[in-house]
Every structure is written in structure tokens, then in C-alpha cells.
Protein backbone atom coordinates (compact mmCIF):
# COMPACT_ATOMS: atom_id res chain seq x y z
CA MET A 1 -13.05 -14.65 5.58
CA ARG A 2 -12.40 -18.34 5.01
CA LEU A 3 -8.77 -19.40 5.44
CA VAL A 4 -6.71 -22.53 5.76
CA VAL A 5 -4.45 -21.88 8.72
CA ASP A 6 -0.94 -23.34 8.73
CA ALA A 7 0.52 -24.92 11.87
CA ASN A 8 3.20 -22.24 12.18
CA ILE A 9 0.48 -19.62 12.74
CA LEU A 10 -0.98 -21.70 15.55
CA TYR A 11 2.46 -22.20 17.08
CA SER A 12 2.85 -18.42 17.08
CA VAL A 13 -0.47 -18.06 18.88
CA ILE A 14 0.46 -20.73 21.45
CA LEU A 15 3.92 -19.33 22.08
CA ASN A 16 2.68 -15.77 22.53
CA THR A 17 -1.02 -15.58 23.37
CA ASN A 18 -0.70 -11.80 23.75
CA GLY A 19 1.19 -11.27 20.48
CA ALA A 20 0.17 -9.74 17.18
CA VAL A 21 -0.62 -13.08 15.50
CA ALA A 22 -2.83 -14.13 18.45
CA ASP A 23 -4.58 -10.77 18.22
CA VAL A 24 -5.43 -11.41 14.57
CA PHE A 25 -6.42 -15.03 15.34
CA PHE A 26 -8.84 -14.18 18.16
CA ASN A 27 -9.99 -10.63 17.53
CA THR A 28 -10.59 -10.11 13.81
CA ARG A 29 -14.19 -9.01 13.20
CA PRO A 30 -16.09 -10.57 11.67
CA PRO A 31 -14.38 -13.69 13.03
CA LEU A 32 -12.17 -15.62 10.66
CA GLU A 33 -13.53 -18.94 9.44
CA LEU A 34 -10.48 -21.17 9.86
CA PHE A 35 -9.78 -24.64 8.48
CA ALA A 36 -6.89 -27.08 8.85
CA PRO A 37 -6.21 -30.71 8.03
CA GLN A 38 -6.95 -33.22 10.80
CA LEU A 39 -3.25 -33.93 11.22
CA LEU A 40 -2.93 -30.53 12.90
CA ARG A 41 -4.25 -31.88 16.21
CA LYS A 42 -1.63 -34.65 16.30
CA GLU A 43 1.09 -32.23 15.27
CA LEU A 44 0.26 -29.81 18.08
CA ASP A 45 -0.10 -32.60 20.64
CA ARG A 46 3.26 -34.08 19.65
CA HIS A 47 5.01 -30.80 20.46
CA ARG A 48 3.27 -30.06 23.80
CA PRO A 49 6.28 -30.91 26.00
CA ARG A 50 8.65 -28.81 23.89
CA ILE A 51 6.22 -25.88 23.85
CA ALA A 52 5.83 -26.12 27.64
CA LYS A 53 9.59 -26.08 28.08
CA TYR A 54 10.03 -23.15 25.69
CA THR A 55 7.26 -21.09 27.32
CA GLY A 56 8.16 -22.06 30.88
CA THR A 57 4.68 -23.37 31.62
CA SER A 58 3.17 -26.78 32.29
CA VAL A 59 2.14 -29.33 29.69
CA ALA A 60 -1.37 -29.10 31.18
CA ASN A 61 -1.44 -25.35 30.49
CA VAL A 62 -0.22 -25.90 26.92
CA THR A 63 -2.93 -28.55 26.49
CA ASP A 64 -5.55 -26.02 27.62
CA VAL A 65 -4.27 -23.37 25.18
CA ILE A 66 -4.21 -25.90 22.32
CA GLY A 67 -7.80 -26.87 23.17
CA LEU A 68 -8.89 -23.23 23.06
CA ILE A 69 -7.20 -22.72 19.71
CA ILE A 70 -8.45 -25.95 18.13
CA ARG A 71 -12.05 -24.98 18.96
CA ARG A 72 -11.65 -22.02 16.56
CA VAL A 73 -10.50 -24.25 13.68
CA THR A 74 -12.58 -26.69 11.64
CA LEU A 75 -10.49 -29.80 11.06
CA ILE A 76 -11.07 -31.45 7.69
CA ASP A 77 -10.69 -35.16 6.94
CA PRO A 78 -8.08 -35.59 4.16
CA ALA A 79 -10.17 -38.40 2.66
CA LEU A 80 -12.58 -35.73 1.36
CA ILE A 81 -9.91 -34.32 -0.95
CA ALA A 82 -9.76 -35.75 -4.48
CA ASP A 83 -6.65 -37.53 -5.76
CA ASN A 84 -6.02 -34.93 -8.46
CA THR A 85 -6.00 -32.19 -5.79
CA TRP A 86 -3.45 -34.16 -3.77
CA ALA A 87 -1.33 -34.56 -6.90
CA LYS A 88 -1.42 -30.79 -7.50
CA ALA A 89 -0.51 -30.10 -3.85
CA LYS A 90 2.38 -32.55 -4.04
CA GLU A 91 3.62 -30.87 -7.21
CA LEU A 92 3.44 -27.43 -5.58
CA THR A 93 5.13 -28.40 -2.31
CA GLY A 94 7.62 -31.00 -3.54
CA SER A 95 10.51 -28.59 -3.98
CA VAL A 96 9.44 -26.34 -1.09
CA ASP A 97 8.42 -28.52 1.87
CA PRO A 98 6.50 -31.78 1.48
CA ASP A 99 5.26 -31.37 5.08
CA ASP A 100 3.03 -28.54 3.85
CA GLU A 101 1.25 -30.73 1.30
CA ASP A 102 -1.83 -31.26 3.49
CA TYR A 103 -2.33 -27.51 4.00
CA VAL A 104 -1.91 -26.75 0.30
CA ALA A 105 -4.25 -29.60 -0.68
CA LEU A 106 -6.87 -28.26 1.72
CA ALA A 107 -6.52 -24.71 0.37
CA LEU A 108 -7.00 -26.04 -3.16
CA TYR A 109 -9.96 -28.20 -2.08
CA LEU A 110 -11.73 -25.36 -0.27
CA GLY A 111 -10.72 -22.71 -2.81
CA CYS A 112 -9.59 -20.33 -0.11
CA PRO A 113 -6.31 -18.65 0.86
CA LEU A 114 -3.64 -20.19 3.04
CA TRP A 115 -2.60 -18.17 6.10
CA THR A 116 1.04 -18.88 6.84
CA GLY A 117 4.14 -17.23 8.18
CA ASP A 118 6.39 -19.61 6.24
CA LYS A 119 8.30 -17.37 3.83
CA LYS A 120 9.78 -20.30 1.91
CA LEU A 121 6.29 -21.73 1.33
CA THR A 122 4.99 -18.30 0.36
CA ARG A 123 7.75 -17.90 -2.25
CA GLY A 124 7.23 -21.46 -3.49
CA LEU A 125 3.51 -20.92 -4.05
CA LYS A 126 3.85 -17.54 -5.75
CA GLY A 127 2.05 -17.61 -9.08
CA SER A 128 0.24 -20.86 -8.26
CA ASP A 129 -3.46 -21.59 -7.76
CA VAL A 130 -3.02 -21.03 -4.01
CA THR A 131 -3.31 -17.53 -2.57
CA VAL A 132 -1.04 -17.11 0.42
CA LEU A 133 -1.67 -14.47 3.08
CA SER A 134 0.63 -13.27 5.84
CA SER A 135 -0.66 -12.27 9.28
CA SER A 136 -0.44 -8.58 8.34
CA GLU A 137 -2.54 -9.24 5.22
CA VAL A 138 -5.12 -11.12 7.29
CA ARG A 139 -5.10 -8.25 9.81
CA GLN A 140 -6.06 -5.85 7.00
CA TYR A 141 -9.13 -7.97 6.27
CA GLY A 142 -11.08 -6.94 9.33
CA LYS A 143 -11.11 -4.68 12.28
CA LEU A 144 -9.73 -5.88 15.53
CA LYS A 145 -11.89 -5.28 18.56
């Protein structure tokens, strides 16, 4: 299954590598084909110290976990996305959360669902051209090993 994965899903995986979301992320069979905008790497790196503090581990350990997670995600250059797709994404996220515009634009560009745990974004995209899936819906897709 091809999915655009939202940053909040990856934060969930980083914060609890033994949790239910991490289980879906790593163990769904066949493996999920995950995509995210390039800005995801910078976003995760920017929060490394805070994640380390929250989890009680070192920044180096958080960096290792982020590296492991990023290897499972194909990062897409936003320059590949057409202007009209960006306009549609801006329209869809403007009243919800403009920070999600890149993820919505990528989902529109790739024509695949967006995997997010953001309930506000999910409600905001209801009835739009973007299919939104929760972790439990993604879990139903495949068998976990």
C-alpha cells in the first residue's frame, strides 16, 4: 500500500518504538510504501533535543532512531508538484493547519492516501480529494508479522 505519512505518525514511532503505531510502521506485510515531503527530515532533526528529553535518552540515540525511520520513507522534492496541486492543498489546509499543506499536496500529487493521527486534519479533509487513514485503518490493510 502506498501512503503519504504525516510527521505525527513518525513522532509516535520515535516516542514509542514498541507501540502500536511503530508495529504498523515496521511490521505490516507486505511492507508499506511510504512517502513524505523532503521537509520531514528537517522537521525531525529540529526536534531531536526535545524528543531526547521527553524520552529520557540521548540526542545520538534519537538521531539513530530517526535514521532508521527515514530509511523506510521516500522523501519527495516539492518542486515536482505542480502549482495547481499546491493551490488545491493550500485551499484544503488553510482553515485546518497550513503546516500540513506539504503532506496534502504530496498525497494529491501521488494520488494515494494520507496516514495521519491528526484528528483536526482528518475532519478538515473529509469529503475532499484526499483519503485519510488512521493507524488502525492502515493496520487493517495487512497482516503484522
